[in-house]
Amino acid sequence: CTPPDGACGFHYHCCSKFCITVSSTCN
């Protein structure tokens, strides 16, 4: 996944090639 783990910030995670909020579902 790009960006790598940890690059999205505390309240975000990686979804495909984008960072989304952890409360959002990765589609």
PDB file of N, CA and C in Angstrom:
ATOM      1  N   CYS A   1       0.841  -1.195   0.000  1.00  0.00           N
ATOM      2  CA  CYS A   1       0.000   0.000   0.000  1.00  0.00           C
ATOM      3  C   CYS A   1       0.876   1.246   0.000  1.00  0.00           C
ATOM      4  N   THR A   2       0.506   2.238  -0.746  1.00  0.00           N
ATOM      5  CA  THR A   2       1.223   3.509  -0.788  1.00  0.00           C
ATOM      6  C   THR A   2       0.274   4.626  -0.358  1.00  0.00           C
ATOM      7  N   PRO A   3       0.599   5.455   0.573  1.00  0.00           N
ATOM      8  CA  PRO A   3       1.847   5.535   1.318  1.00  0.00           C
ATOM      9  C   PRO A   3       1.999   4.409   2.338  1.00  0.00           C
ATOM     10  N   PRO A   4       3.225   4.178   2.848  1.00  0.00           N
ATOM     11  CA  PRO A   4       3.459   3.086   3.788  1.00  0.00           C
ATOM     12  C   PRO A   4       2.768   3.318   5.126  1.00  0.00           C
ATOM     13  N   ASP A   5       2.679   2.266   5.937  1.00  0.00           N
ATOM     14  CA  ASP A   5       2.093   2.375   7.267  1.00  0.00           C
ATOM     15  C   ASP A   5       2.831   3.425   8.089  1.00  0.00           C
ATOM     16  N   GLY A   6       2.092   4.248   8.791  1.00  0.00           N
ATOM     17  CA  GLY A   6       2.694   5.273   9.620  1.00  0.00           C
ATOM     18  C   GLY A   6       2.784   6.621   8.933  1.00  0.00           C
ATOM     19  N   ALA A   7       2.633   6.630   7.604  1.00  0.00           N
ATOM     20  CA  ALA A   7       2.786   7.877   6.870  1.00  0.00           C
ATOM     21  C   ALA A   7       1.487   8.683   6.817  1.00  0.00           C
ATOM     22  N   CYS A   8       0.403   8.053   7.202  1.00  0.00           N
ATOM     23  CA  CYS A   8      -0.902   8.701   7.073  1.00  0.00           C
ATOM     24  C   CYS A   8      -1.284   9.514   8.306  1.00  0.00           C
ATOM     25  N   GLY A   9      -0.578   9.341   9.411  1.00  0.00           N
ATOM     26  CA  GLY A   9      -0.937  10.057  10.623  1.00  0.00           C
ATOM     27  C   GLY A   9      -1.802   9.203  11.543  1.00  0.00           C
ATOM     28  N   PHE A  10      -2.009   9.696  12.757  1.00  0.00           N
ATOM     29  CA  PHE A  10      -2.624   8.885  13.813  1.00  0.00           C
ATOM     30  C   PHE A  10      -4.067   8.517  13.508  1.00  0.00           C
ATOM     31  N   HIS A  11      -4.825   9.436  12.962  1.00  0.00           N
ATOM     32  CA  HIS A  11      -6.254   9.205  12.754  1.00  0.00           C
ATOM     33  C   HIS A  11      -6.589   8.773  11.331  1.00  0.00           C
ATOM     34  N   TYR A  12      -5.553   8.345  10.593  1.00  0.00           N
ATOM     35  CA  TYR A  12      -5.755   7.944   9.208  1.00  0.00           C
ATOM     36  C   TYR A  12      -5.101   6.607   8.942  1.00  0.00           C
ATOM     37  N   HIS A  13      -5.585   5.919   7.935  1.00  0.00           N
ATOM     38  CA  HIS A  13      -4.926   4.706   7.474  1.00  0.00           C
ATOM     39  C   HIS A  13      -4.922   4.686   5.959  1.00  0.00           C
ATOM     40  N   CYS A  14      -4.155   3.751   5.411  1.00  0.00           N
ATOM     41  CA  CYS A  14      -3.975   3.720   3.967  1.00  0.00           C
ATOM     42  C   CYS A  14      -5.101   2.946   3.301  1.00  0.00           C
ATOM     43  N   CYS A  15      -5.622   3.522   2.214  1.00  0.00           N
ATOM     44  CA  CYS A  15      -6.630   2.857   1.398  1.00  0.00           C
ATOM     45  C   CYS A  15      -6.182   2.966  -0.049  1.00  0.00           C
ATOM     46  N   SER A  16      -5.767   1.869  -0.626  1.00  0.00           N
ATOM     47  CA  SER A  16      -5.184   1.869  -1.957  1.00  0.00           C
ATOM     48  C   SER A  16      -3.991   2.817  -1.992  1.00  0.00           C
ATOM     49  N   LYS A  17      -4.080   3.909  -2.726  1.00  0.00           N
ATOM     50  CA  LYS A  17      -2.972   4.864  -2.795  1.00  0.00           C
ATOM     51  C   LYS A  17      -3.277   6.151  -2.043  1.00  0.00           C
ATOM     52  N   PHE A  18      -4.298   6.099  -1.175  1.00  0.00           N
ATOM     53  CA  PHE A  18      -4.736   7.298  -0.480  1.00  0.00           C
ATOM     54  C   PHE A  18      -4.823   7.071   1.018  1.00  0.00           C
ATOM     55  N   CYS A  19      -4.777   8.163   1.775  1.00  0.00           N
ATOM     56  CA  CYS A  19      -5.027   8.107   3.214  1.00  0.00           C
ATOM     57  C   CYS A  19      -6.471   8.509   3.484  1.00  0.00           C
ATOM     58  N   ILE A  20      -7.158   7.697   4.279  1.00  0.00           N
ATOM     59  CA  ILE A  20      -8.520   8.029   4.685  1.00  0.00           C
ATOM     60  C   ILE A  20      -8.617   7.961   6.205  1.00  0.00           C
ATOM     61  N   THR A  21      -9.632   8.591   6.769  1.00  0.00           N
ATOM     62  CA  THR A  21      -9.810   8.549   8.215  1.00  0.00           C
ATOM     63  C   THR A  21     -10.102   7.124   8.656  1.00  0.00           C
ATOM     64  N   VAL A  22      -9.700   6.793   9.883  1.00  0.00           N
ATOM     65  CA  VAL A  22      -9.880   5.430  10.366  1.00  0.00           C
ATOM     66  C   VAL A  22     -11.354   5.064  10.515  1.00  0.00           C
ATOM     67  N   SER A  23     -12.223   6.088  10.595  1.00  0.00           N
ATOM     68  CA  SER A  23     -13.654   5.830  10.707  1.00  0.00           C
ATOM     69  C   SER A  23     -14.294   5.547   9.355  1.00  0.00           C
ATOM     70  N   SER A  24     -13.532   5.777   8.291  1.00  0.00           N
ATOM     71  CA  SER A  24     -14.037   5.517   6.945  1.00  0.00           C
ATOM     72  C   SER A  24     -13.683   4.103   6.516  1.00  0.00           C
ATOM     73  N   THR A  25     -14.571   3.482   5.765  1.00  0.00           N
ATOM     74  CA  THR A  25     -14.325   2.143   5.253  1.00  0.00           C
ATOM     75  C   THR A  25     -13.580   2.234   3.935  1.00  0.00           C
ATOM     76  N   CYS A  26     -12.536   1.415   3.796  1.00  0.00           N
ATOM     77  CA  CYS A  26     -11.791   1.398   2.547  1.00  0.00           C
ATOM     78  C   CYS A  26     -12.565   0.604   1.510  1.00  0.00           C
ATOM     79  N   ASN A  27     -12.986   1.287   0.451  1.00  0.00           N
ATOM     80  CA  ASN A  27     -13.713   0.625  -0.620  1.00  0.00           C
ATOM     81  C   ASN A  27     -12.768   0.252  -1.746  1.00  0.00           C
TER      82      ASN A  27
END
